[in-house]
Amino acid sequence: MALRSAISIGRRRANLVLFSATSVFTNSKSLPHSHRSFPFHVTKPGLQHSIRAIQGTTVNPITPKRDEEMKQDNNDQNWKIKMLYDGDCPLCMREVNMLREKDKENGAIKFVNISSEDYSPEENQGLDYKIVMGKIHAILSDGTVVTNVEAFRKLYEAVGLGWVYAITKYKPVAIVAEAVYGVWAKYRLQITGRPPIEQILESRRMKKDEVCNDSNSCKM
């Protein structure tokens, strides 16, 4: 009998709790979304302050570093010798890249790509594209033009590798070296799988004609 009474009392209490919870949930549905609430409210101390701190934070815009550009500008001003090179020659570019790597701290060499559309003969002692394509040319800071093996010797001296071509200062060796380089220069385009110089020149003319009609501003 006592057990039944306890069970009966427990059922009535459970029904009362269930009815209260159901009433709260049902009433919350009838309210606008902004007014709905639950019987439990959990707050996290410091959260509001953190959000306000984030909202009040300003982010500085990222500015690109110009150290390399400034360094390159300084190198261009302090050069001792210009190297006029054919940027479309794969074998030539190996040597250019090696010299550029050796010279990156000193800036003794100013590298000028004659294959670039911006190449200007007027800024390089009047040496046009066809002339420079025939053999290597370099220009000293005083305007002196050097070619062939002598140009290589001056360039290597500028990066501290003068010993490589030092032996070519002796006339018998210089004669042989000049002869060997002459053969390379003559057949360079064929060796590297490129068309004859006449075809390259015609291709450059056609390309320039597409962007300008004034022959005075489109010099080779």
N, C-alpha and C. Protein backbone atom coordinates (compact mmCIF):
# COMPACT_ATOMS: atom_id res chain seq x y z
N MET A 1 0.84 -1.21 0.00
CA MET A 1 0.00 0.00 0.00
C MET A 1 0.86 1.25 0.00
N ALA A 2 1.88 1.24 0.84
CA ALA A 2 2.80 2.39 0.90
C ALA A 2 3.53 2.55 -0.41
N LEU A 3 3.88 1.39 -1.04
CA LEU A 3 4.60 1.44 -2.33
C LEU A 3 3.73 2.05 -3.40
N ARG A 4 2.43 1.69 -3.43
CA ARG A 4 1.51 2.25 -4.43
C ARG A 4 1.36 3.76 -4.23
N SER A 5 1.25 4.18 -2.97
CA SER A 5 1.12 5.61 -2.70
C SER A 5 2.34 6.38 -3.18
N ALA A 6 3.51 5.79 -2.95
CA ALA A 6 4.75 6.47 -3.38
C ALA A 6 4.81 6.57 -4.89
N ILE A 7 4.39 5.46 -5.57
CA ILE A 7 4.40 5.47 -7.04
C ILE A 7 3.43 6.50 -7.57
N SER A 8 2.23 6.58 -6.94
CA SER A 8 1.21 7.53 -7.38
C SER A 8 1.70 8.96 -7.23
N ILE A 9 2.35 9.24 -6.08
CA ILE A 9 2.87 10.60 -5.85
C ILE A 9 3.96 10.92 -6.88
N GLY A 10 4.83 9.93 -7.17
CA GLY A 10 5.91 10.15 -8.14
C GLY A 10 5.38 10.44 -9.52
N ARG A 11 4.30 9.74 -9.92
CA ARG A 11 3.72 9.97 -11.25
C ARG A 11 3.15 11.37 -11.35
N ARG A 12 2.44 11.83 -10.27
CA ARG A 12 1.85 13.16 -10.31
C ARG A 12 2.94 14.23 -10.43
N ARG A 13 4.04 14.04 -9.71
CA ARG A 13 5.14 15.03 -9.80
C ARG A 13 5.78 15.04 -11.19
N ALA A 14 5.95 13.85 -11.76
CA ALA A 14 6.55 13.77 -13.10
C ALA A 14 5.67 14.43 -14.13
N ASN A 15 4.34 14.20 -14.04
CA ASN A 15 3.40 14.83 -14.98
C ASN A 15 3.43 16.34 -14.85
N LEU A 16 3.57 16.82 -13.59
CA LEU A 16 3.60 18.26 -13.36
C LEU A 16 4.83 18.90 -14.01
N VAL A 17 5.98 18.24 -13.86
CA VAL A 17 7.22 18.76 -14.46
C VAL A 17 7.13 18.74 -15.97
N LEU A 18 6.60 17.63 -16.54
CA LEU A 18 6.47 17.51 -17.99
C LEU A 18 5.53 18.56 -18.53
N PHE A 19 4.40 18.81 -17.82
CA PHE A 19 3.43 19.82 -18.26
C PHE A 19 4.05 21.21 -18.24
N SER A 20 4.87 21.50 -17.22
CA SER A 20 5.49 22.82 -17.13
C SER A 20 6.47 23.04 -18.27
N ALA A 21 7.27 22.02 -18.57
CA ALA A 21 8.25 22.14 -19.65
C ALA A 21 7.57 22.30 -20.99
N THR A 22 6.46 21.54 -21.20
CA THR A 22 5.72 21.62 -22.47
C THR A 22 5.10 22.99 -22.64
N SER A 23 4.60 23.56 -21.56
CA SER A 23 3.98 24.88 -21.63
C SER A 23 5.00 25.94 -22.01
N VAL A 24 6.19 25.84 -21.43
CA VAL A 24 7.22 26.83 -21.75
C VAL A 24 7.62 26.75 -23.20
N PHE A 25 7.82 25.53 -23.72
CA PHE A 25 8.23 25.34 -25.12
C PHE A 25 7.15 25.80 -26.08
N THR A 26 5.85 25.49 -25.74
CA THR A 26 4.74 25.88 -26.61
C THR A 26 4.59 27.39 -26.64
N ASN A 27 4.71 28.04 -25.51
CA ASN A 27 4.59 29.50 -25.47
C ASN A 27 5.71 30.19 -26.23
N SER A 28 6.90 29.58 -26.21
CA SER A 28 8.03 30.21 -26.91
C SER A 28 7.83 30.18 -28.41
N LYS A 29 7.11 29.19 -28.93
CA LYS A 29 6.84 29.12 -30.36
C LYS A 29 5.91 30.23 -30.81
N SER A 30 5.00 30.64 -29.93
CA SER A 30 4.03 31.68 -30.31
C SER A 30 4.64 33.07 -30.28
N LEU A 31 5.83 33.23 -29.72
CA LEU A 31 6.48 34.53 -29.65
C LEU A 31 7.32 34.76 -30.89
N PRO A 32 7.59 36.05 -31.21
CA PRO A 32 8.53 36.33 -32.31
C PRO A 32 9.88 35.72 -32.01
N HIS A 33 10.63 35.50 -33.10
CA HIS A 33 11.91 34.81 -32.96
C HIS A 33 12.85 35.56 -32.02
N SER A 34 12.81 36.89 -32.09
CA SER A 34 13.73 37.67 -31.28
C SER A 34 13.39 37.64 -29.80
N HIS A 35 12.12 37.22 -29.44
CA HIS A 35 11.71 37.20 -28.04
C HIS A 35 11.71 35.81 -27.45
N ARG A 36 12.05 34.81 -28.25
CA ARG A 36 12.05 33.46 -27.72
C ARG A 36 13.21 33.28 -26.77
N SER A 37 12.96 32.49 -25.73
CA SER A 37 14.03 32.21 -24.78
C SER A 37 13.80 30.84 -24.19
N PHE A 38 14.82 30.33 -23.61
CA PHE A 38 14.73 29.03 -22.97
C PHE A 38 14.91 29.21 -21.47
N PRO A 39 14.46 28.28 -20.70
CA PRO A 39 14.53 28.43 -19.24
C PRO A 39 15.95 28.45 -18.73
N PHE A 40 16.92 28.08 -19.59
CA PHE A 40 18.31 28.08 -19.14
C PHE A 40 19.07 29.14 -19.92
N HIS A 41 19.90 29.90 -19.25
CA HIS A 41 20.68 30.97 -19.88
C HIS A 41 22.13 30.81 -19.47
N VAL A 42 22.99 30.55 -20.46
CA VAL A 42 24.40 30.30 -20.18
C VAL A 42 25.21 31.47 -20.69
N THR A 43 26.02 31.98 -19.88
CA THR A 43 26.90 33.09 -20.28
C THR A 43 28.34 32.66 -20.10
N LYS A 44 29.20 33.18 -20.98
CA LYS A 44 30.63 32.90 -20.90
C LYS A 44 31.35 34.18 -20.53
N PRO A 45 31.88 34.23 -19.33
CA PRO A 45 32.56 35.46 -18.89
C PRO A 45 33.70 35.80 -19.83
N GLY A 46 33.79 37.08 -20.17
CA GLY A 46 34.91 37.55 -20.99
C GLY A 46 34.65 37.47 -22.47
N LEU A 47 33.58 36.76 -22.92
CA LEU A 47 33.33 36.59 -24.35
C LEU A 47 32.98 37.92 -25.00
N GLN A 48 32.09 38.69 -24.33
CA GLN A 48 31.70 39.98 -24.89
C GLN A 48 32.90 40.91 -25.01
N HIS A 49 33.76 40.88 -23.99
CA HIS A 49 34.94 41.74 -24.04
C HIS A 49 35.87 41.32 -25.16
N SER A 50 35.98 40.01 -25.42
CA SER A 50 36.84 39.52 -26.49
C SER A 50 36.33 39.97 -27.84
N ILE A 51 35.00 39.88 -28.02
CA ILE A 51 34.40 40.29 -29.30
C ILE A 51 34.61 41.77 -29.53
N ARG A 52 34.41 42.58 -28.47
CA ARG A 52 34.61 44.02 -28.61
C ARG A 52 36.06 44.34 -28.96
N ALA A 53 36.98 43.58 -28.35
CA ALA A 53 38.40 43.83 -28.63
C ALA A 53 38.73 43.53 -30.08
N ILE A 54 38.14 42.44 -30.61
CA ILE A 54 38.38 42.08 -32.01
C ILE A 54 37.78 43.11 -32.94
N GLN A 55 36.55 43.58 -32.60
CA GLN A 55 35.89 44.57 -33.45
C GLN A 55 36.66 45.88 -33.46
N GLY A 56 37.32 46.22 -32.38
CA GLY A 56 38.03 47.49 -32.30
C GLY A 56 39.43 47.44 -32.85
N THR A 57 39.86 46.24 -33.28
CA THR A 57 41.22 46.10 -33.78
C THR A 57 41.31 46.57 -35.22
N THR A 58 42.34 47.30 -35.55
CA THR A 58 42.57 47.75 -36.92
C THR A 58 43.74 46.98 -37.50
N VAL A 59 43.63 46.61 -38.76
CA VAL A 59 44.67 45.83 -39.44
C VAL A 59 45.43 46.74 -40.38
N ASN A 60 46.73 46.78 -40.21
CA ASN A 60 47.55 47.61 -41.08
C ASN A 60 47.65 46.98 -42.46
N PRO A 61 47.51 47.76 -43.52
CA PRO A 61 47.61 47.20 -44.87
C PRO A 61 49.01 46.67 -45.13
N ILE A 62 49.07 45.57 -45.90
CA ILE A 62 50.35 44.94 -46.21
C ILE A 62 51.01 45.68 -47.36
N THR A 63 52.21 46.13 -47.14
CA THR A 63 52.94 46.83 -48.19
C THR A 63 54.07 45.95 -48.68
N PRO A 64 54.23 45.80 -49.98
CA PRO A 64 55.28 44.93 -50.51
C PRO A 64 56.66 45.47 -50.20
N LYS A 65 57.58 44.56 -49.97
CA LYS A 65 58.95 44.97 -49.69
C LYS A 65 59.62 45.39 -51.00
N ARG A 66 60.37 46.46 -50.93
CA ARG A 66 61.03 46.99 -52.11
C ARG A 66 62.54 46.91 -51.98
N ASP A 67 63.02 46.10 -51.04
CA ASP A 67 64.46 46.00 -50.83
C ASP A 67 65.18 45.52 -52.07
N GLU A 68 64.63 44.46 -52.70
CA GLU A 68 65.28 43.91 -53.89
C GLU A 68 65.27 44.91 -55.03
N GLU A 69 64.15 45.64 -55.18
CA GLU A 69 64.07 46.62 -56.26
C GLU A 69 65.07 47.75 -56.04
N MET A 70 65.17 48.22 -54.79
CA MET A 70 66.11 49.29 -54.49
C MET A 70 67.55 48.82 -54.70
N LYS A 71 67.80 47.57 -54.33
CA LYS A 71 69.14 47.02 -54.51
C LYS A 71 69.49 46.92 -55.99
N GLN A 72 68.50 46.51 -56.80
CA GLN A 72 68.73 46.39 -58.24
C GLN A 72 68.99 47.76 -58.86
N ASP A 73 68.26 48.79 -58.40
CA ASP A 73 68.47 50.14 -58.90
C ASP A 73 69.88 50.62 -58.59
N ASN A 74 70.35 50.33 -57.37
CA ASN A 74 71.70 50.74 -56.99
C ASN A 74 72.75 50.02 -57.83
N ASN A 75 72.50 48.72 -58.09
CA ASN A 75 73.43 47.96 -58.90
C ASN A 75 73.52 48.51 -60.32
N ASP A 76 72.37 48.91 -60.88
CA ASP A 76 72.36 49.46 -62.23
C ASP A 76 73.15 50.76 -62.32
N GLN A 77 73.23 51.48 -61.22
CA GLN A 77 73.94 52.76 -61.23
C GLN A 77 75.44 52.58 -61.00
N ASN A 78 75.84 51.48 -60.39
CA ASN A 78 77.24 51.28 -60.02
C ASN A 78 77.97 50.31 -60.94
N TRP A 79 77.40 49.99 -62.08
CA TRP A 79 78.01 48.98 -62.94
C TRP A 79 79.34 49.46 -63.51
N LYS A 80 80.21 48.48 -63.78
CA LYS A 80 81.52 48.75 -64.38
C LYS A 80 81.58 48.29 -65.83
N ILE A 81 80.70 47.36 -66.18
CA ILE A 81 80.69 46.83 -67.53
C ILE A 81 79.29 46.34 -67.87
N LYS A 82 78.86 46.59 -69.10
CA LYS A 82 77.58 46.09 -69.59
C LYS A 82 77.81 44.81 -70.38
N MET A 83 76.95 43.85 -70.16
CA MET A 83 76.99 42.63 -70.96
C MET A 83 75.76 42.61 -71.86
N LEU A 84 75.97 42.70 -73.16
CA LEU A 84 74.86 42.61 -74.10
C LEU A 84 74.70 41.14 -74.48
N TYR A 85 73.58 40.55 -74.11
CA TYR A 85 73.41 39.11 -74.32
C TYR A 85 72.11 38.81 -75.05
N ASP A 86 72.09 37.65 -75.68
CA ASP A 86 70.91 37.18 -76.41
C ASP A 86 70.05 36.35 -75.46
N GLY A 87 68.96 36.94 -75.00
CA GLY A 87 68.10 36.25 -74.04
C GLY A 87 67.34 35.06 -74.61
N ASP A 88 67.37 34.90 -75.93
CA ASP A 88 66.69 33.76 -76.55
C ASP A 88 67.63 32.59 -76.80
N CYS A 89 68.87 32.73 -76.40
CA CYS A 89 69.87 31.68 -76.59
C CYS A 89 70.00 30.85 -75.31
N PRO A 90 69.56 29.59 -75.32
CA PRO A 90 69.57 28.79 -74.09
C PRO A 90 70.97 28.55 -73.53
N LEU A 91 71.95 28.28 -74.40
CA LEU A 91 73.31 28.06 -73.92
C LEU A 91 73.93 29.35 -73.38
N CYS A 92 73.63 30.46 -74.06
CA CYS A 92 74.14 31.75 -73.58
C CYS A 92 73.60 32.08 -72.20
N MET A 93 72.33 31.73 -71.96
CA MET A 93 71.70 32.08 -70.70
C MET A 93 72.31 31.32 -69.53
N ARG A 94 72.89 30.18 -69.77
CA ARG A 94 73.57 29.46 -68.69
C ARG A 94 74.73 30.30 -68.15
N GLU A 95 75.50 30.85 -69.08
CA GLU A 95 76.63 31.68 -68.66
C GLU A 95 76.15 32.99 -68.04
N VAL A 96 75.11 33.57 -68.62
CA VAL A 96 74.56 34.81 -68.07
C VAL A 96 74.08 34.60 -66.63
N ASN A 97 73.37 33.52 -66.41
CA ASN A 97 72.85 33.24 -65.07
C ASN A 97 73.97 32.98 -64.07
N MET A 98 75.04 32.33 -64.52
CA MET A 98 76.18 32.10 -63.64
C MET A 98 76.84 33.42 -63.25
N LEU A 99 77.05 34.29 -64.23
CA LEU A 99 77.65 35.59 -63.94
C LEU A 99 76.74 36.44 -63.07
N ARG A 100 75.45 36.36 -63.33
CA ARG A 100 74.49 37.13 -62.53
C ARG A 100 74.51 36.68 -61.07
N GLU A 101 74.62 35.38 -60.86
CA GLU A 101 74.68 34.85 -59.50
C GLU A 101 75.95 35.31 -58.79
N LYS A 102 77.08 35.27 -59.50
CA LYS A 102 78.34 35.70 -58.90
C LYS A 102 78.36 37.20 -58.62
N ASP A 103 77.57 37.94 -59.39
CA ASP A 103 77.62 39.40 -59.32
C ASP A 103 76.50 40.01 -58.49
N LYS A 104 75.63 39.19 -57.91
CA LYS A 104 74.42 39.73 -57.28
C LYS A 104 74.72 40.62 -56.08
N GLU A 105 75.87 40.47 -55.44
CA GLU A 105 76.20 41.30 -54.28
C GLU A 105 76.90 42.59 -54.68
N ASN A 106 77.62 42.58 -55.80
CA ASN A 106 78.44 43.73 -56.17
C ASN A 106 77.80 44.63 -57.22
N GLY A 107 77.07 44.04 -58.15
CA GLY A 107 76.44 44.84 -59.19
C GLY A 107 77.44 45.46 -60.15
N ALA A 108 78.55 44.76 -60.39
CA ALA A 108 79.57 45.30 -61.30
C ALA A 108 79.16 45.18 -62.75
N ILE A 109 78.26 44.24 -63.05
CA ILE A 109 77.82 44.01 -64.43
C ILE A 109 76.38 44.47 -64.59
N LYS A 110 76.12 45.20 -65.64
CA LYS A 110 74.75 45.54 -66.01
C LYS A 110 74.36 44.65 -67.18
N PHE A 111 73.37 43.81 -66.97
CA PHE A 111 72.96 42.84 -67.98
C PHE A 111 71.88 43.46 -68.88
N VAL A 112 72.14 43.44 -70.18
CA VAL A 112 71.21 44.04 -71.14
C VAL A 112 70.80 42.97 -72.15
N ASN A 113 69.53 42.66 -72.16
CA ASN A 113 68.99 41.64 -73.07
C ASN A 113 68.66 42.28 -74.41
N ILE A 114 69.43 41.95 -75.43
CA ILE A 114 69.21 42.55 -76.75
C ILE A 114 67.94 42.02 -77.41
N SER A 115 67.42 40.89 -76.94
CA SER A 115 66.20 40.32 -77.51
C SER A 115 64.94 40.97 -76.95
N SER A 116 65.11 41.79 -75.93
CA SER A 116 63.96 42.48 -75.35
C SER A 116 63.42 43.54 -76.31
N GLU A 117 62.11 43.74 -76.27
CA GLU A 117 61.49 44.78 -77.11
C GLU A 117 61.94 46.17 -76.68
N ASP A 118 62.44 46.29 -75.47
CA ASP A 118 62.86 47.59 -74.95
C ASP A 118 64.33 47.90 -75.25
N TYR A 119 65.02 46.98 -75.92
CA TYR A 119 66.43 47.22 -76.19
C TYR A 119 66.61 48.45 -77.07
N SER A 120 67.52 49.32 -76.66
CA SER A 120 67.76 50.57 -77.39
C SER A 120 69.22 50.66 -77.82
N PRO A 121 69.50 50.65 -79.13
CA PRO A 121 70.87 50.82 -79.61
C PRO A 121 71.47 52.15 -79.16
N GLU A 122 70.64 53.19 -79.10
CA GLU A 122 71.13 54.52 -78.71
C GLU A 122 71.72 54.52 -77.30
N GLU A 123 71.22 53.66 -76.43
CA GLU A 123 71.71 53.59 -75.06
C GLU A 123 72.90 52.64 -74.93
N ASN A 124 73.29 52.03 -76.04
CA ASN A 124 74.37 51.04 -76.02
C ASN A 124 75.35 51.26 -77.16
N GLN A 125 75.86 52.47 -77.24
CA GLN A 125 76.90 52.84 -78.19
C GLN A 125 76.50 52.58 -79.65
N GLY A 126 75.21 52.65 -79.94
CA GLY A 126 74.74 52.48 -81.31
C GLY A 126 74.78 51.05 -81.83
N LEU A 127 74.96 50.09 -80.94
CA LEU A 127 75.04 48.68 -81.36
C LEU A 127 73.63 48.12 -81.56
N ASP A 128 73.26 47.87 -82.81
CA ASP A 128 71.91 47.35 -83.07
C ASP A 128 71.86 45.84 -82.89
N TYR A 129 70.66 45.32 -83.00
CA TYR A 129 70.41 43.90 -82.72
C TYR A 129 71.24 42.98 -83.62
N LYS A 130 71.27 43.27 -84.91
CA LYS A 130 71.98 42.40 -85.85
C LYS A 130 73.47 42.34 -85.55
N ILE A 131 74.06 43.48 -85.24
CA ILE A 131 75.50 43.51 -84.95
C ILE A 131 75.82 42.68 -83.71
N VAL A 132 75.03 42.89 -82.66
CA VAL A 132 75.32 42.20 -81.39
C VAL A 132 75.03 40.70 -81.50
N MET A 133 74.12 40.32 -82.38
CA MET A 133 73.83 38.90 -82.57
C MET A 133 75.00 38.18 -83.23
N GLY A 134 75.87 38.91 -83.92
CA GLY A 134 76.99 38.28 -84.60
C GLY A 134 78.07 37.77 -83.67
N LYS A 135 78.27 38.46 -82.55
CA LYS A 135 79.28 38.06 -81.56
C LYS A 135 79.01 38.82 -80.27
N ILE A 136 79.61 38.36 -79.20
CA ILE A 136 79.36 38.98 -77.91
C ILE A 136 79.99 40.37 -77.85
N HIS A 137 79.23 41.30 -77.26
CA HIS A 137 79.70 42.67 -77.05
C HIS A 137 79.54 43.03 -75.58
N ALA A 138 80.50 43.79 -75.08
CA ALA A 138 80.40 44.36 -73.74
C ALA A 138 80.85 45.81 -73.81
N ILE A 139 80.31 46.62 -72.92
CA ILE A 139 80.62 48.05 -72.92
C ILE A 139 81.14 48.44 -71.54
N LEU A 140 82.34 49.00 -71.50
CA LEU A 140 82.91 49.45 -70.24
C LEU A 140 82.24 50.75 -69.80
N SER A 141 82.40 51.10 -68.54
CA SER A 141 81.74 52.29 -68.00
C SER A 141 82.19 53.57 -68.68
N ASP A 142 83.37 53.56 -69.31
CA ASP A 142 83.85 54.75 -70.02
C ASP A 142 83.39 54.78 -71.47
N GLY A 143 82.57 53.78 -71.88
CA GLY A 143 82.03 53.75 -73.23
C GLY A 143 82.81 52.88 -74.20
N THR A 144 83.93 52.32 -73.75
CA THR A 144 84.73 51.45 -74.62
C THR A 144 83.99 50.15 -74.90
N VAL A 145 83.95 49.77 -76.18
CA VAL A 145 83.29 48.52 -76.58
C VAL A 145 84.33 47.43 -76.74
N VAL A 146 84.10 46.29 -76.10
CA VAL A 146 84.99 45.14 -76.24
C VAL A 146 84.17 43.96 -76.75
N THR A 147 84.82 43.09 -77.52
CA THR A 147 84.10 41.97 -78.13
C THR A 147 84.88 40.67 -77.95
N ASN A 148 84.21 39.59 -78.36
CA ASN A 148 84.82 38.26 -78.41
C ASN A 148 85.45 37.85 -77.08
N VAL A 149 86.63 37.24 -77.13
CA VAL A 149 87.28 36.70 -75.94
C VAL A 149 87.61 37.80 -74.93
N GLU A 150 87.97 38.97 -75.43
CA GLU A 150 88.28 40.08 -74.53
C GLU A 150 87.05 40.46 -73.70
N ALA A 151 85.88 40.40 -74.30
CA ALA A 151 84.65 40.71 -73.56
C ALA A 151 84.43 39.71 -72.43
N PHE A 152 84.65 38.43 -72.73
CA PHE A 152 84.51 37.41 -71.68
C PHE A 152 85.53 37.64 -70.57
N ARG A 153 86.75 37.99 -70.95
CA ARG A 153 87.80 38.20 -69.94
C ARG A 153 87.42 39.36 -69.01
N LYS A 154 86.92 40.44 -69.57
CA LYS A 154 86.52 41.59 -68.76
C LYS A 154 85.34 41.25 -67.85
N LEU A 155 84.40 40.50 -68.36
CA LEU A 155 83.23 40.13 -67.57
C LEU A 155 83.61 39.22 -66.41
N TYR A 156 84.48 38.26 -66.67
CA TYR A 156 84.90 37.34 -65.62
C TYR A 156 85.76 38.07 -64.58
N GLU A 157 86.55 39.02 -65.01
CA GLU A 157 87.33 39.81 -64.06
C GLU A 157 86.42 40.62 -63.14
N ALA A 158 85.30 41.07 -63.66
CA ALA A 158 84.37 41.90 -62.88
C ALA A 158 83.75 41.13 -61.72
N VAL A 159 83.66 39.80 -61.84
CA VAL A 159 83.05 39.00 -60.76
C VAL A 159 84.09 38.19 -60.00
N GLY A 160 85.36 38.53 -60.17
CA GLY A 160 86.41 37.86 -59.41
C GLY A 160 86.85 36.53 -59.98
N LEU A 161 86.55 36.28 -61.25
CA LEU A 161 86.94 35.02 -61.89
C LEU A 161 87.91 35.28 -63.06
N GLY A 162 88.70 36.31 -62.91
CA GLY A 162 89.61 36.68 -63.98
C GLY A 162 90.61 35.60 -64.35
N TRP A 163 90.91 34.72 -63.40
CA TRP A 163 91.88 33.66 -63.65
C TRP A 163 91.43 32.69 -64.75
N VAL A 164 90.10 32.61 -64.97
CA VAL A 164 89.59 31.68 -65.98
C VAL A 164 90.10 32.05 -67.37
N TYR A 165 90.10 33.34 -67.68
CA TYR A 165 90.53 33.80 -69.00
C TYR A 165 91.89 34.50 -68.97
N ALA A 166 92.59 34.42 -67.85
CA ALA A 166 93.88 35.11 -67.73
C ALA A 166 94.88 34.64 -68.78
N ILE A 167 94.83 33.37 -69.10
CA ILE A 167 95.79 32.83 -70.06
C ILE A 167 95.60 33.41 -71.47
N THR A 168 94.40 33.92 -71.74
CA THR A 168 94.14 34.48 -73.08
C THR A 168 94.81 35.84 -73.27
N LYS A 169 95.48 36.34 -72.25
CA LYS A 169 96.23 37.58 -72.40
C LYS A 169 97.51 37.36 -73.22
N TYR A 170 97.94 36.11 -73.27
CA TYR A 170 99.12 35.78 -74.06
C TYR A 170 98.71 35.61 -75.52
N LYS A 171 99.43 36.28 -76.40
CA LYS A 171 99.03 36.37 -77.80
C LYS A 171 98.81 35.01 -78.47
N PRO A 172 99.72 34.04 -78.34
CA PRO A 172 99.50 32.75 -79.01
C PRO A 172 98.19 32.08 -78.56
N VAL A 173 97.94 32.15 -77.25
CA VAL A 173 96.70 31.56 -76.72
C VAL A 173 95.49 32.37 -77.18
N ALA A 174 95.64 33.68 -77.21
CA ALA A 174 94.53 34.54 -77.63
C ALA A 174 94.12 34.26 -79.07
N ILE A 175 95.10 33.99 -79.93
CA ILE A 175 94.79 33.71 -81.34
C ILE A 175 93.96 32.44 -81.46
N VAL A 176 94.35 31.41 -80.72
CA VAL A 176 93.61 30.14 -80.76
C VAL A 176 92.21 30.33 -80.17
N ALA A 177 92.13 31.03 -79.04
CA ALA A 177 90.84 31.24 -78.38
C ALA A 177 89.89 32.03 -79.28
N GLU A 178 90.41 33.04 -79.96
CA GLU A 178 89.58 33.84 -80.86
C GLU A 178 89.06 32.99 -82.02
N ALA A 179 89.91 32.10 -82.52
CA ALA A 179 89.50 31.25 -83.64
C ALA A 179 88.39 30.29 -83.21
N VAL A 180 88.55 29.71 -82.02
CA VAL A 180 87.53 28.78 -81.52
C VAL A 180 86.21 29.51 -81.29
N TYR A 181 86.29 30.69 -80.68
CA TYR A 181 85.06 31.44 -80.43
C TYR A 181 84.41 31.87 -81.74
N GLY A 182 85.23 32.21 -82.74
CA GLY A 182 84.69 32.62 -84.03
C GLY A 182 83.83 31.53 -84.66
N VAL A 183 84.27 30.29 -84.53
CA VAL A 183 83.47 29.17 -85.06
C VAL A 183 82.15 29.05 -84.30
N TRP A 184 82.23 29.16 -82.99
CA TRP A 184 81.01 29.09 -82.17
C TRP A 184 80.03 30.20 -82.54
N ALA A 185 80.53 31.42 -82.67
CA ALA A 185 79.67 32.56 -82.98
C ALA A 185 79.02 32.40 -84.35
N LYS A 186 79.76 31.84 -85.29
CA LYS A 186 79.24 31.68 -86.65
C LYS A 186 78.11 30.67 -86.73
N TYR A 187 78.23 29.59 -85.96
CA TYR A 187 77.24 28.51 -86.04
C TYR A 187 76.36 28.41 -84.79
N ARG A 188 76.38 29.45 -83.99
CA ARG A 188 75.63 29.43 -82.72
C ARG A 188 74.15 29.17 -82.92
N LEU A 189 73.55 29.84 -83.88
CA LEU A 189 72.11 29.68 -84.10
C LEU A 189 71.77 28.26 -84.54
N GLN A 190 72.59 27.70 -85.41
CA GLN A 190 72.34 26.33 -85.86
C GLN A 190 72.53 25.33 -84.72
N ILE A 191 73.57 25.55 -83.93
CA ILE A 191 73.86 24.63 -82.82
C ILE A 191 72.73 24.62 -81.80
N THR A 192 72.13 25.77 -81.57
CA THR A 192 71.05 25.86 -80.58
C THR A 192 69.67 25.64 -81.19
N GLY A 193 69.63 25.22 -82.46
CA GLY A 193 68.36 24.88 -83.09
C GLY A 193 67.47 26.06 -83.44
N ARG A 194 68.08 27.19 -83.75
CA ARG A 194 67.31 28.39 -84.08
C ARG A 194 67.41 28.69 -85.58
N PRO A 195 66.48 29.47 -86.10
CA PRO A 195 66.51 29.79 -87.53
C PRO A 195 67.65 30.74 -87.87
N PRO A 196 67.95 30.93 -89.14
CA PRO A 196 69.01 31.86 -89.56
C PRO A 196 68.71 33.28 -89.10
N ILE A 197 69.75 34.10 -89.03
CA ILE A 197 69.61 35.46 -88.54
C ILE A 197 68.64 36.26 -89.39
N GLU A 198 68.62 36.02 -90.72
CA GLU A 198 67.71 36.76 -91.59
C GLU A 198 66.25 36.49 -91.21
N GLN A 199 65.95 35.25 -90.91
CA GLN A 199 64.58 34.89 -90.53
C GLN A 199 64.21 35.49 -89.17
N ILE A 200 65.17 35.53 -88.27
CA ILE A 200 64.92 36.12 -86.95
C ILE A 200 64.66 37.62 -87.09
N LEU A 201 65.45 38.29 -87.92
CA LEU A 201 65.27 39.72 -88.14
C LEU A 201 63.91 40.03 -88.75
N GLU A 202 63.49 39.21 -89.73
CA GLU A 202 62.20 39.41 -90.36
C GLU A 202 61.06 39.22 -89.36
N SER A 203 61.22 38.22 -88.51
CA SER A 203 60.20 37.96 -87.48
C SER A 203 60.09 39.14 -86.52
N ARG A 204 61.23 39.73 -86.16
CA ARG A 204 61.21 40.88 -85.27
C ARG A 204 60.56 42.09 -85.93
N ARG A 205 60.83 42.26 -87.23
CA ARG A 205 60.22 43.39 -87.95
C ARG A 205 58.70 43.25 -87.99
N MET A 206 58.24 42.06 -88.28
CA MET A 206 56.80 41.83 -88.35
C MET A 206 56.15 42.06 -86.99
N LYS A 207 56.83 41.64 -85.95
CA LYS A 207 56.28 41.82 -84.60
C LYS A 207 56.20 43.29 -84.24
N LYS A 208 57.22 44.05 -84.61
CA LYS A 208 57.22 45.48 -84.32
C LYS A 208 56.17 46.21 -85.14
N ASP A 209 55.95 45.77 -86.38
CA ASP A 209 54.94 46.41 -87.22
C ASP A 209 53.54 46.26 -86.65
N GLU A 210 53.34 45.23 -85.85
CA GLU A 210 52.03 45.01 -85.26
C GLU A 210 51.71 46.02 -84.17
N VAL A 211 52.73 46.58 -83.55
CA VAL A 211 52.50 47.49 -82.43
C VAL A 211 52.79 48.95 -82.76
N CYS A 212 53.41 49.20 -83.89
CA CYS A 212 53.65 50.60 -84.26
C CYS A 212 53.80 50.73 -85.77
N ASN A 213 53.53 51.91 -86.26
CA ASN A 213 53.64 52.19 -87.69
C ASN A 213 54.76 53.16 -88.01
N ASP A 214 55.30 53.80 -86.98
CA ASP A 214 56.36 54.76 -87.17
C ASP A 214 57.70 54.05 -87.14
N SER A 215 58.40 53.96 -88.26
CA SER A 215 59.66 53.23 -88.33
C SER A 215 60.73 53.86 -87.46
N ASN A 216 60.63 55.18 -87.20
CA ASN A 216 61.63 55.85 -86.37
C ASN A 216 61.57 55.40 -84.92
N SER A 217 60.38 54.99 -84.47
CA SER A 217 60.24 54.55 -83.08
C SER A 217 60.32 53.04 -82.95
N CYS A 218 60.61 52.36 -84.04
CA CYS A 218 60.67 50.90 -84.02
C CYS A 218 62.00 50.41 -84.58
N LYS A 219 63.04 51.03 -84.18
CA LYS A 219 64.35 50.65 -84.68
C LYS A 219 64.73 49.28 -84.13
N MET A 220 65.47 48.56 -84.93
CA MET A 220 65.94 47.25 -84.52
C MET A 220 67.10 47.42 -83.56
